[in-house]
Amino acid sequence: MGGDFAPEAAVKGAVMALDAVGAESRVVLFGDEARIRAVLEAEGCPADKFDIVATTEVIEMGDHPAKAFQAKADSSITVGFGYLAKGAVHGFASAGSTGAMMVGSMYAVKPIEGVIRPTISSLVPTASGRPALLLDVGLNVDCKPEVLAQYGLIGSIFAESVLGIRSPRVAVLNIGEEETKGNAQVKAAHDLLREEKRINFVGNVEGSHIFSGKVADVIVCDGFVGNTVLKMAEGLYRINKALGGGNAFWDAMNYENVGGTPVLGVNAPVVIGHGCSSPLAIKNMILTTERCIQAGFTARLQQAFTE
């Protein structure tokens, strides 16, 4: 029931995903059952293609996330996280309130023991044709070096298990490639990452190389910097589209083709979509969630922090 065009966009996107998910996967829809069934009927899709969990409340974008998560116990987000926490579903995705999604991530499924701060990440296209992972992109705007160092490990495991990149190159986003460049935060993070033997740390990466794919597969920064980079890229995409430009690189910049942002560092796969998500974006959000589940990313991350 989350998103600007709910439930129509969510249900239509789920219908689109049916032919793309694996035969062993089952899509579960949480929300107003009558409205869900009405959209499915209009789409000519049998309702038995899905599991439907009826809920009666909606967390609105203007609601206080933490208060609404508790007060609206029969909302699609709260019920969905309840199912995720008890293992009745293996992953949960929504284009609803980002704040409520983070409340559920932090208090229903909880951070993995040892993770200082979970992070949200974004795939960015590169000229090499292989996506890079940028983290954090807005959850933690102030990060201690120890947190950034953990992002390097978390991002490396995600890139290897979910994206299929062998020995992914991890770099810190900085104003220069030299070790002496940057502020105290990134210098200290650089030193910590250099000592982390479980990752392929390649040093610093400048902003001009984020989208080249030549230097790094995983790019570490705090949420203030990462969100600025991400929104600049989104703005450039819209400008390029308005001017009539288009190719495989720019098409990959379209958020609809990515679908959603994984929350990394919690005990189950959670993916947050744009509030304005279209059916195509919802479809790809579902597929991103499925990939995280099938890759066993959460278990691999739990094992890394146990070690």
C-alpha atoms as a PDB file:
ATOM      1  CA  MET A   1       0.000   0.000   0.000  1.00  0.00           C
ATOM      2  CA  GLY A   2       3.048   2.273  -0.091  1.00  0.00           C
ATOM      3  CA  GLY A   3       4.025   4.699  -2.816  1.00  0.00           C
ATOM      4  CA  ASP A   4       2.416   7.536  -4.711  1.00  0.00           C
ATOM      5  CA  PHE A   5       0.431   5.220  -6.985  1.00  0.00           C
ATOM      6  CA  ALA A   6      -0.524   2.438  -4.587  1.00  0.00           C
ATOM      7  CA  PRO A   7      -1.897  -0.120  -4.816  1.00  0.00           C
ATOM      8  CA  GLU A   8      -2.215  -0.035  -8.613  1.00  0.00           C
ATOM      9  CA  ALA A   9       1.497   0.408  -9.394  1.00  0.00           C
ATOM     10  CA  ALA A  10       2.556  -2.180  -6.805  1.00  0.00           C
ATOM     11  CA  VAL A  11       0.117  -4.834  -7.989  1.00  0.00           C
ATOM     12  CA  LYS A  12       0.797  -4.205 -11.689  1.00  0.00           C
ATOM     13  CA  GLY A  13       4.534  -4.411 -11.004  1.00  0.00           C
ATOM     14  CA  ALA A  14       4.026  -7.694  -9.163  1.00  0.00           C
ATOM     15  CA  VAL A  15       2.117  -9.052 -12.171  1.00  0.00           C
ATOM     16  CA  MET A  16       4.984  -7.983 -14.440  1.00  0.00           C
ATOM     17  CA  ALA A  17       7.431  -9.784 -12.134  1.00  0.00           C
ATOM     18  CA  LEU A  18       5.613 -13.127 -12.356  1.00  0.00           C
ATOM     19  CA  ASP A  19       7.318 -14.145 -15.604  1.00  0.00           C
ATOM     20  CA  ALA A  20      10.728 -12.982 -14.362  1.00  0.00           C
ATOM     21  CA  VAL A  21      10.997 -14.550 -10.888  1.00  0.00           C
ATOM     22  CA  GLY A  22      12.241 -18.099 -10.485  1.00  0.00           C
ATOM     23  CA  ALA A  23       9.838 -21.036 -10.462  1.00  0.00           C
ATOM     24  CA  GLU A  24      10.627 -21.599  -6.788  1.00  0.00           C
ATOM     25  CA  SER A  25       9.773 -18.013  -5.803  1.00  0.00           C
ATOM     26  CA  ARG A  26       6.382 -16.829  -4.578  1.00  0.00           C
ATOM     27  CA  VAL A  27       5.344 -13.170  -4.430  1.00  0.00           C
ATOM     28  CA  VAL A  28       3.331 -12.159  -1.353  1.00  0.00           C
ATOM     29  CA  LEU A  29       1.169  -9.022  -1.450  1.00  0.00           C
ATOM     30  CA  PHE A  30       0.344  -7.194   1.792  1.00  0.00           C
ATOM     31  CA  GLY A  31      -2.539  -4.721   1.682  1.00  0.00           C
ATOM     32  CA  ASP A  32      -6.214  -4.001   1.084  1.00  0.00           C
ATOM     33  CA  GLU A  33      -7.394  -7.340  -0.292  1.00  0.00           C
ATOM     34  CA  ALA A  34     -10.429  -5.998  -2.136  1.00  0.00           C
ATOM     35  CA  ARG A  35      -8.382  -3.344  -3.939  1.00  0.00           C
ATOM     36  CA  ILE A  36      -5.597  -5.845  -4.715  1.00  0.00           C
ATOM     37  CA  ARG A  37      -8.079  -8.287  -6.225  1.00  0.00           C
ATOM     38  CA  ALA A  38      -9.719  -5.508  -8.232  1.00  0.00           C
ATOM     39  CA  VAL A  39      -6.397  -4.560  -9.844  1.00  0.00           C
ATOM     40  CA  LEU A  40      -5.566  -8.206 -10.540  1.00  0.00           C
ATOM     41  CA  GLU A  41      -8.940  -8.696 -12.184  1.00  0.00           C
ATOM     42  CA  ALA A  42      -8.435  -5.607 -14.336  1.00  0.00           C
ATOM     43  CA  GLU A  43      -5.032  -7.000 -15.354  1.00  0.00           C
ATOM     44  CA  GLY A  44      -6.552 -10.365 -16.206  1.00  0.00           C
ATOM     45  CA  CYS A  45      -4.309 -12.078 -13.667  1.00  0.00           C
ATOM     46  CA  PRO A  46      -5.680 -14.866 -11.431  1.00  0.00           C
ATOM     47  CA  ALA A  47      -5.387 -13.962  -7.752  1.00  0.00           C
ATOM     48  CA  ASP A  48      -4.063 -17.443  -6.928  1.00  0.00           C
ATOM     49  CA  LYS A  49      -0.782 -16.504  -8.614  1.00  0.00           C
ATOM     50  CA  PHE A  50       0.011 -14.656  -5.375  1.00  0.00           C
ATOM     51  CA  ASP A  51      -0.304 -15.056  -1.644  1.00  0.00           C
ATOM     52  CA  ILE A  52      -2.403 -12.151  -0.355  1.00  0.00           C
ATOM     53  CA  VAL A  53      -2.169 -11.011   3.270  1.00  0.00           C
ATOM     54  CA  ALA A  54      -5.054  -8.664   4.057  1.00  0.00           C
ATOM     55  CA  THR A  55      -4.244  -5.491   5.996  1.00  0.00           C
ATOM     56  CA  THR A  56      -6.514  -2.586   6.912  1.00  0.00           C
ATOM     57  CA  GLU A  57      -4.199   0.361   7.597  1.00  0.00           C
ATOM     58  CA  VAL A  58      -1.719   2.464   5.626  1.00  0.00           C
ATOM     59  CA  ILE A  59       1.332   4.353   6.889  1.00  0.00           C
ATOM     60  CA  GLU A  60       1.096   7.654   5.016  1.00  0.00           C
ATOM     61  CA  MET A  61       4.130   9.627   3.892  1.00  0.00           C
ATOM     62  CA  GLY A  62       3.255  12.396   6.361  1.00  0.00           C
ATOM     63  CA  ASP A  63       3.025  10.064   9.374  1.00  0.00           C
ATOM     64  CA  HIS A  64       5.755   9.984  12.010  1.00  0.00           C
ATOM     65  CA  PRO A  65       7.613   6.773  11.011  1.00  0.00           C
ATOM     66  CA  ALA A  66       8.273   5.274  14.459  1.00  0.00           C
ATOM     67  CA  LYS A  67       4.892   6.227  15.921  1.00  0.00           C
ATOM     68  CA  ALA A  68       2.976   5.035  12.860  1.00  0.00           C
ATOM     69  CA  PHE A  69       4.878   1.730  12.722  1.00  0.00           C
ATOM     70  CA  GLN A  70       3.634   0.968  16.234  1.00  0.00           C
ATOM     71  CA  ALA A  71       0.206   2.636  16.132  1.00  0.00           C
ATOM     72  CA  LYS A  72      -0.789   1.205  12.740  1.00  0.00           C
ATOM     73  CA  ALA A  73      -0.121  -2.399  13.633  1.00  0.00           C
ATOM     74  CA  ASP A  74      -2.263  -3.642  10.730  1.00  0.00           C
ATOM     75  CA  SER A  75      -0.492  -1.579   8.060  1.00  0.00           C
ATOM     76  CA  SER A  76       1.109  -3.367   5.124  1.00  0.00           C
ATOM     77  CA  ILE A  77       4.612  -2.318   6.218  1.00  0.00           C
ATOM     78  CA  THR A  78       4.233  -3.342   9.876  1.00  0.00           C
ATOM     79  CA  VAL A  79       2.585  -6.677   9.028  1.00  0.00           C
ATOM     80  CA  GLY A  80       5.132  -7.327   6.290  1.00  0.00           C
ATOM     81  CA  PHE A  81       8.024  -6.836   8.682  1.00  0.00           C
ATOM     82  CA  GLY A  82       6.292  -9.123  11.168  1.00  0.00           C
ATOM     83  CA  TYR A  83       6.231 -11.871   8.550  1.00  0.00           C
ATOM     84  CA  LEU A  84       9.882 -11.180   7.698  1.00  0.00           C
ATOM     85  CA  ALA A  85      10.996 -11.269  11.335  1.00  0.00           C
ATOM     86  CA  LYS A  86       9.425 -14.690  11.905  1.00  0.00           C
ATOM     87  CA  GLY A  87      10.679 -16.107   8.606  1.00  0.00           C
ATOM     88  CA  ALA A  88       7.270 -16.398   6.917  1.00  0.00           C
ATOM     89  CA  VAL A  89       8.752 -14.440   3.991  1.00  0.00           C
ATOM     90  CA  HIS A  90      12.425 -14.366   3.044  1.00  0.00           C
ATOM     91  CA  GLY A  91      12.615 -10.720   1.926  1.00  0.00           C
ATOM     92  CA  PHE A  92      10.480  -7.584   2.079  1.00  0.00           C
ATOM     93  CA  ALA A  93      10.238  -4.631  -0.301  1.00  0.00           C
ATOM     94  CA  SER A  94       8.086  -1.507  -0.410  1.00  0.00           C
ATOM     95  CA  ALA A  95       7.841   1.880  -2.090  1.00  0.00           C
ATOM     96  CA  GLY A  96       6.196   3.224   1.060  1.00  0.00           C
ATOM     97  CA  SER A  97       7.524   5.460   3.834  1.00  0.00           C
ATOM     98  CA  THR A  98      11.327   5.228   3.894  1.00  0.00           C
ATOM     99  CA  GLY A  99      11.281   6.155   7.569  1.00  0.00           C
ATOM    100  CA  ALA A 100       8.874   3.344   8.427  1.00  0.00           C
ATOM    101  CA  MET A 101      10.927   0.908   6.364  1.00  0.00           C
ATOM    102  CA  MET A 102      14.017   1.852   8.365  1.00  0.00           C
ATOM    103  CA  VAL A 103      12.126   1.523  11.653  1.00  0.00           C
ATOM    104  CA  GLY A 104      11.156  -1.998  10.616  1.00  0.00           C
ATOM    105  CA  SER A 105      14.707  -2.780   9.548  1.00  0.00           C
ATOM    106  CA  MET A 106      16.191  -1.565  12.823  1.00  0.00           C
ATOM    107  CA  TYR A 107      13.601  -2.832  15.314  1.00  0.00           C
ATOM    108  CA  ALA A 108      11.794  -5.769  13.672  1.00  0.00           C
ATOM    109  CA  VAL A 109      14.606  -7.650  11.898  1.00  0.00           C
ATOM    110  CA  LYS A 110      17.400  -5.703  13.679  1.00  0.00           C
ATOM    111  CA  PRO A 111      21.014  -4.997  12.665  1.00  0.00           C
ATOM    112  CA  ILE A 112      23.438  -7.898  12.394  1.00  0.00           C
ATOM    113  CA  GLU A 113      25.441  -8.239  15.588  1.00  0.00           C
ATOM    114  CA  GLY A 114      28.696  -6.343  15.177  1.00  0.00           C
ATOM    115  CA  VAL A 115      27.417  -3.919  12.532  1.00  0.00           C
ATOM    116  CA  ILE A 116      27.804  -0.406  13.931  1.00  0.00           C
ATOM    117  CA  ARG A 117      25.333   1.164  11.515  1.00  0.00           C
ATOM    118  CA  PRO A 118      23.400  -0.454   8.664  1.00  0.00           C
ATOM    119  CA  THR A 119      23.610   1.384   5.361  1.00  0.00           C
ATOM    120  CA  ILE A 120      21.612   1.949   2.212  1.00  0.00           C
ATOM    121  CA  SER A 121      23.363   1.494  -1.100  1.00  0.00           C
ATOM    122  CA  SER A 122      22.762   2.229  -4.746  1.00  0.00           C
ATOM    123  CA  LEU A 123      23.938   0.614  -7.951  1.00  0.00           C
ATOM    124  CA  VAL A 124      25.423   3.128 -10.368  1.00  0.00           C
ATOM    125  CA  PRO A 125      26.118   2.410 -14.040  1.00  0.00           C
ATOM    126  CA  THR A 126      29.651   2.586 -15.405  1.00  0.00           C
ATOM    127  CA  ALA A 127      31.102   2.953 -18.879  1.00  0.00           C
ATOM    128  CA  SER A 128      32.593  -0.524 -18.493  1.00  0.00           C
ATOM    129  CA  GLY A 129      29.095  -1.997 -18.562  1.00  0.00           C
ATOM    130  CA  ARG A 130      29.348  -3.437 -15.053  1.00  0.00           C
ATOM    131  CA  PRO A 131      27.562  -1.589 -12.222  1.00  0.00           C
ATOM    132  CA  ALA A 132      29.374  -0.186  -9.208  1.00  0.00           C
ATOM    133  CA  LEU A 133      28.002  -0.068  -5.674  1.00  0.00           C
ATOM    134  CA  LEU A 134      27.896   3.287  -3.864  1.00  0.00           C
ATOM    135  CA  LEU A 135      27.333   3.324  -0.094  1.00  0.00           C
ATOM    136  CA  ASP A 136      26.083   5.078   1.975  1.00  0.00           C
ATOM    137  CA  VAL A 137      23.589   7.086  -0.089  1.00  0.00           C
ATOM    138  CA  GLY A 138      21.673   8.917   2.606  1.00  0.00           C
ATOM    139  CA  LEU A 139      21.028   6.922   5.762  1.00  0.00           C
ATOM    140  CA  ASN A 140      24.019   8.056   7.845  1.00  0.00           C
ATOM    141  CA  VAL A 141      25.127  11.578   6.942  1.00  0.00           C
ATOM    142  CA  ASP A 142      27.876  11.637   9.597  1.00  0.00           C
ATOM    143  CA  CYS A 143      30.092   8.551   9.777  1.00  0.00           C
ATOM    144  CA  LYS A 144      33.071   7.682  11.932  1.00  0.00           C
ATOM    145  CA  PRO A 145      35.999   6.051  10.101  1.00  0.00           C
ATOM    146  CA  GLU A 146      35.150   2.697  11.713  1.00  0.00           C
ATOM    147  CA  VAL A 147      31.684   2.850  10.110  1.00  0.00           C
ATOM    148  CA  LEU A 148      33.136   3.622   6.682  1.00  0.00           C
ATOM    149  CA  ALA A 149      35.556   0.720   7.086  1.00  0.00           C
ATOM    150  CA  GLN A 150      32.620  -1.599   7.785  1.00  0.00           C
ATOM    151  CA  TYR A 151      30.891  -0.284   4.654  1.00  0.00           C
ATOM    152  CA  GLY A 152      33.876  -1.497   2.679  1.00  0.00           C
ATOM    153  CA  LEU A 153      33.440  -5.050   3.970  1.00  0.00           C
ATOM    154  CA  ILE A 154      29.635  -4.985   3.655  1.00  0.00           C
ATOM    155  CA  GLY A 155      29.820  -3.612   0.117  1.00  0.00           C
ATOM    156  CA  SER A 156      32.475  -6.120  -0.901  1.00  0.00           C
ATOM    157  CA  ILE A 157      30.361  -9.073   0.260  1.00  0.00           C
ATOM    158  CA  PHE A 158      27.287  -7.676  -1.524  1.00  0.00           C
ATOM    159  CA  ALA A 159      29.189  -7.098  -4.770  1.00  0.00           C
ATOM    160  CA  GLU A 160      30.619 -10.595  -4.712  1.00  0.00           C
ATOM    161  CA  SER A 161      27.497 -12.518  -3.655  1.00  0.00           C
ATOM    162  CA  VAL A 162      24.694 -10.541  -5.321  1.00  0.00           C
ATOM    163  CA  LEU A 163      26.426  -8.882  -8.286  1.00  0.00           C
ATOM    164  CA  GLY A 164      28.742 -11.794  -9.008  1.00  0.00           C
ATOM    165  CA  ILE A 165      31.932  -9.700  -9.057  1.00  0.00           C
ATOM    166  CA  ARG A 166      34.984 -11.740  -8.077  1.00  0.00           C
ATOM    167  CA  SER A 167      37.321  -9.948  -5.679  1.00  0.00           C
ATOM    168  CA  PRO A 168      35.519  -6.578  -6.060  1.00  0.00           C
ATOM    169  CA  ARG A 169      37.731  -3.512  -5.886  1.00  0.00           C
ATOM    170  CA  VAL A 170      36.895  -1.347  -2.858  1.00  0.00           C
ATOM    171  CA  ALA A 171      37.807   2.360  -2.748  1.00  0.00           C
ATOM    172  CA  VAL A 172      37.115   5.429  -0.617  1.00  0.00           C
ATOM    173  CA  LEU A 173      35.590   8.412  -2.416  1.00  0.00           C
ATOM    174  CA  ASN A 174      38.060  11.257  -2.015  1.00  0.00           C
ATOM    175  CA  ILE A 175      39.231  14.499  -3.620  1.00  0.00           C
ATOM    176  CA  GLY A 176      42.409  12.846  -4.890  1.00  0.00           C
ATOM    177  CA  GLU A 177      43.947   9.417  -5.411  1.00  0.00           C
ATOM    178  CA  GLU A 178      46.962  10.064  -3.151  1.00  0.00           C
ATOM    179  CA  GLU A 179      46.904   8.657   0.389  1.00  0.00           C
ATOM    180  CA  THR A 180      47.632  12.110   1.823  1.00  0.00           C
ATOM    181  CA  LYS A 181      44.505  13.701   0.288  1.00  0.00           C
ATOM    182  CA  GLY A 182      41.176  14.251   2.001  1.00  0.00           C
ATOM    183  CA  ASN A 183      39.818  15.195   5.397  1.00  0.00           C
ATOM    184  CA  ALA A 184      40.517  13.440   8.693  1.00  0.00           C
ATOM    185  CA  GLN A 185      37.515  11.152   8.268  1.00  0.00           C
ATOM    186  CA  VAL A 186      38.499   9.638   4.918  1.00  0.00           C
ATOM    187  CA  LYS A 187      42.205   9.475   5.793  1.00  0.00           C
ATOM    188  CA  ALA A 188      41.424   7.420   8.881  1.00  0.00           C
ATOM    189  CA  ALA A 189      38.966   5.240   6.945  1.00  0.00           C
ATOM    190  CA  HIS A 190      41.639   4.680   4.294  1.00  0.00           C
ATOM    191  CA  ASP A 191      44.072   3.419   6.943  1.00  0.00           C
ATOM    192  CA  LEU A 192      41.485   1.051   8.438  1.00  0.00           C
ATOM    193  CA  LEU A 193      40.445  -0.357   5.060  1.00  0.00           C
ATOM    194  CA  ARG A 194      44.071  -0.906   4.094  1.00  0.00           C
ATOM    195  CA  GLU A 195      44.393  -3.230   7.098  1.00  0.00           C
ATOM    196  CA  GLU A 196      41.222  -5.205   6.268  1.00  0.00           C
ATOM    197  CA  LYS A 197      42.564  -8.429   4.725  1.00  0.00           C
ATOM    198  CA  ARG A 198      39.152  -9.753   3.646  1.00  0.00           C
ATOM    199  CA  ILE A 199      38.665  -7.145   0.926  1.00  0.00           C
ATOM    200  CA  ASN A 200      40.463  -6.015  -2.207  1.00  0.00           C
ATOM    201  CA  PHE A 201      41.168  -2.428  -1.181  1.00  0.00           C
ATOM    202  CA  VAL A 202      42.538  -0.258  -3.989  1.00  0.00           C
ATOM    203  CA  GLY A 203      42.806   3.097  -2.199  1.00  0.00           C
ATOM    204  CA  ASN A 204      41.053   6.336  -3.096  1.00  0.00           C
ATOM    205  CA  VAL A 205      38.785   7.061  -6.059  1.00  0.00           C
ATOM    206  CA  GLU A 206      38.002  10.530  -7.359  1.00  0.00           C
ATOM    207  CA  GLY A 207      34.518  11.621  -8.311  1.00  0.00           C
ATOM    208  CA  SER A 208      35.500  11.725 -11.974  1.00  0.00           C
ATOM    209  CA  HIS A 209      36.034   7.944 -11.956  1.00  0.00           C
ATOM    210  CA  ILE A 210      32.820   6.875 -10.177  1.00  0.00           C
ATOM    211  CA  PHE A 211      31.064   6.130 -13.457  1.00  0.00           C
ATOM    212  CA  SER A 212      34.089   4.928 -15.409  1.00  0.00           C
ATOM    213  CA  GLY A 213      34.374   1.491 -13.834  1.00  0.00           C
ATOM    214  CA  LYS A 214      38.164   1.718 -14.178  1.00  0.00           C
ATOM    215  CA  VAL A 215      39.082   2.093 -10.502  1.00  0.00           C
ATOM    216  CA  ALA A 216      36.492   0.579  -8.177  1.00  0.00           C
ATOM    217  CA  ASP A 217      33.480  -1.745  -7.938  1.00  0.00           C
ATOM    218  CA  VAL A 218      32.543  -0.630  -4.404  1.00  0.00           C
ATOM    219  CA  ILE A 219      32.745   3.055  -3.503  1.00  0.00           C
ATOM    220  CA  VAL A 220      32.605   4.020   0.174  1.00  0.00           C
ATOM    221  CA  CYS A 221      31.458   7.411   1.466  1.00  0.00           C
ATOM    222  CA  ASP A 222      29.205   8.879   4.125  1.00  0.00           C
ATOM    223  CA  GLY A 223      25.516   9.424   3.450  1.00  0.00           C
ATOM    224  CA  PHE A 224      25.836  13.166   2.938  1.00  0.00           C
ATOM    225  CA  VAL A 225      28.339  12.756   0.112  1.00  0.00           C
ATOM    226  CA  GLY A 226      26.684   9.653  -1.342  1.00  0.00           C
ATOM    227  CA  ASN A 227      23.223  11.204  -1.481  1.00  0.00           C
ATOM    228  CA  THR A 228      24.644  14.310  -3.153  1.00  0.00           C
ATOM    229  CA  VAL A 229      26.361  12.176  -5.808  1.00  0.00           C
ATOM    230  CA  LEU A 230      23.226  10.101  -6.377  1.00  0.00           C
ATOM    231  CA  LYS A 231      20.919  13.095  -6.789  1.00  0.00           C
ATOM    232  CA  MET A 232      23.389  14.825  -9.084  1.00  0.00           C
ATOM    233  CA  ALA A 233      23.401  11.709 -11.270  1.00  0.00           C
ATOM    234  CA  GLU A 234      19.595  11.575 -11.277  1.00  0.00           C
ATOM    235  CA  GLY A 235      19.472  15.239 -12.281  1.00  0.00           C
ATOM    236  CA  LEU A 236      21.923  14.686 -15.126  1.00  0.00           C
ATOM    237  CA  TYR A 237      19.834  11.736 -16.316  1.00  0.00           C
ATOM    238  CA  ARG A 238      16.691  13.894 -16.477  1.00  0.00           C
ATOM    239  CA  ILE A 239      18.536  16.665 -18.313  1.00  0.00           C
ATOM    240  CA  ASN A 240      20.041  14.213 -20.781  1.00  0.00           C
ATOM    241  CA  LYS A 241      16.633  12.635 -21.386  1.00  0.00           C
ATOM    242  CA  ALA A 242      15.003  16.032 -21.917  1.00  0.00           C
ATOM    243  CA  LEU A 243      17.674  16.910 -24.484  1.00  0.00           C
ATOM    244  CA  GLY A 244      16.942  13.716 -26.396  1.00  0.00           C
ATOM    245  CA  GLY A 245      20.100  11.815 -25.503  1.00  0.00           C
ATOM    246  CA  GLY A 246      20.001   8.133 -24.765  1.00  0.00           C
ATOM    247  CA  ASN A 247      22.185   5.036 -24.781  1.00  0.00           C
ATOM    248  CA  ALA A 248      22.763   1.956 -22.646  1.00  0.00           C
ATOM    249  CA  PHE A 249      24.747   3.916 -20.044  1.00  0.00           C
ATOM    250  CA  TRP A 250      22.099   6.610 -19.566  1.00  0.00           C
ATOM    251  CA  ASP A 251      19.262   4.091 -19.644  1.00  0.00           C
ATOM    252  CA  ALA A 252      20.918   2.291 -16.734  1.00  0.00           C
ATOM    253  CA  MET A 253      20.776   5.575 -14.794  1.00  0.00           C
ATOM    254  CA  ASN A 254      16.965   5.381 -14.790  1.00  0.00           C
ATOM    255  CA  TYR A 255      15.848   4.401 -11.269  1.00  0.00           C
ATOM    256  CA  GLU A 256      13.054   2.260 -12.769  1.00  0.00           C
ATOM    257  CA  ASN A 257      15.645  -0.173 -14.112  1.00  0.00           C
ATOM    258  CA  VAL A 258      17.225  -0.541 -10.668  1.00  0.00           C
ATOM    259  CA  GLY A 259      13.964  -0.745  -8.748  1.00  0.00           C
ATOM    260  CA  GLY A 260      15.068  -0.156  -5.184  1.00  0.00           C
ATOM    261  CA  THR A 261      17.761   0.407  -2.603  1.00  0.00           C
ATOM    262  CA  PRO A 262      18.858  -2.552  -0.432  1.00  0.00           C
ATOM    263  CA  VAL A 263      19.313  -1.978   3.291  1.00  0.00           C
ATOM    264  CA  LEU A 264      22.638  -3.616   4.102  1.00  0.00           C
ATOM    265  CA  GLY A 265      23.650  -4.821   7.544  1.00  0.00           C
ATOM    266  CA  VAL A 266      20.310  -6.126   8.878  1.00  0.00           C
ATOM    267  CA  ASN A 267      19.228  -9.715   9.503  1.00  0.00           C
ATOM    268  CA  ALA A 268      17.045 -10.146   6.398  1.00  0.00           C
ATOM    269  CA  PRO A 269      16.825  -8.754   2.848  1.00  0.00           C
ATOM    270  CA  VAL A 270      14.976  -5.403   2.818  1.00  0.00           C
ATOM    271  CA  VAL A 271      14.638  -3.225  -0.297  1.00  0.00           C
ATOM    272  CA  ILE A 272      13.264   0.329  -0.324  1.00  0.00           C
ATOM    273  CA  GLY A 273      11.762   1.717  -3.515  1.00  0.00           C
ATOM    274  CA  HIS A 274      11.132   5.275  -4.717  1.00  0.00           C
ATOM    275  CA  GLY A 275       7.837   6.731  -3.564  1.00  0.00           C
ATOM    276  CA  CYS A 276       7.005   7.535  -7.186  1.00  0.00           C
ATOM    277  CA  SER A 277       7.715   3.974  -8.322  1.00  0.00           C
ATOM    278  CA  SER A 278       6.055   2.869 -11.547  1.00  0.00           C
ATOM    279  CA  PRO A 279       5.024  -0.754 -12.225  1.00  0.00           C
ATOM    280  CA  LEU A 280       8.380  -1.290 -13.977  1.00  0.00           C
ATOM    281  CA  ALA A 281      10.238  -0.013 -10.908  1.00  0.00           C
ATOM    282  CA  ILE A 282       8.169  -2.293  -8.653  1.00  0.00           C
ATOM    283  CA  LYS A 283       8.951  -5.272 -10.881  1.00  0.00           C
ATOM    284  CA  ASN A 284      12.681  -4.586 -10.635  1.00  0.00           C
ATOM    285  CA  MET A 285      12.424  -3.958  -6.882  1.00  0.00           C
ATOM    286  CA  ILE A 286      10.952  -7.445  -6.515  1.00  0.00           C
ATOM    287  CA  LEU A 287      13.727  -8.942  -8.662  1.00  0.00           C
ATOM    288  CA  THR A 288      16.393  -7.152  -6.602  1.00  0.00           C
ATOM    289  CA  THR A 289      14.868  -8.618  -3.446  1.00  0.00           C
ATOM    290  CA  GLU A 290      14.839 -12.094  -4.991  1.00  0.00           C
ATOM    291  CA  ARG A 291      18.523 -11.788  -5.979  1.00  0.00           C
ATOM    292  CA  CYS A 292      19.491 -10.817  -2.433  1.00  0.00           C
ATOM    293  CA  ILE A 293      17.602 -13.830  -1.071  1.00  0.00           C
ATOM    294  CA  GLN A 294      18.994 -16.342  -3.557  1.00  0.00           C
ATOM    295  CA  ALA A 295      22.560 -15.098  -3.137  1.00  0.00           C
ATOM    296  CA  GLY A 296      22.472 -15.823   0.592  1.00  0.00           C
ATOM    297  CA  PHE A 297      23.865 -12.349   1.193  1.00  0.00           C
ATOM    298  CA  THR A 298      22.527 -11.981   4.736  1.00  0.00           C
ATOM    299  CA  ALA A 299      24.035 -15.283   5.890  1.00  0.00           C
ATOM    300  CA  ARG A 300      27.395 -14.397   4.345  1.00  0.00           C
ATOM    301  CA  LEU A 301      27.370 -11.025   6.091  1.00  0.00           C
ATOM    302  CA  GLN A 302      26.406 -12.592   9.414  1.00  0.00           C
ATOM    303  CA  GLN A 303      29.296 -15.042   9.058  1.00  0.00           C
ATOM    304  CA  ALA A 304      31.755 -12.255   8.269  1.00  0.00           C
ATOM    305  CA  PHE A 305      30.823 -10.342  11.410  1.00  0.00           C
ATOM    306  CA  THR A 306      30.866 -13.504  13.514  1.00  0.00           C
ATOM    307  CA  GLU A 307      34.470 -13.952  12.392  1.00  0.00           C
END
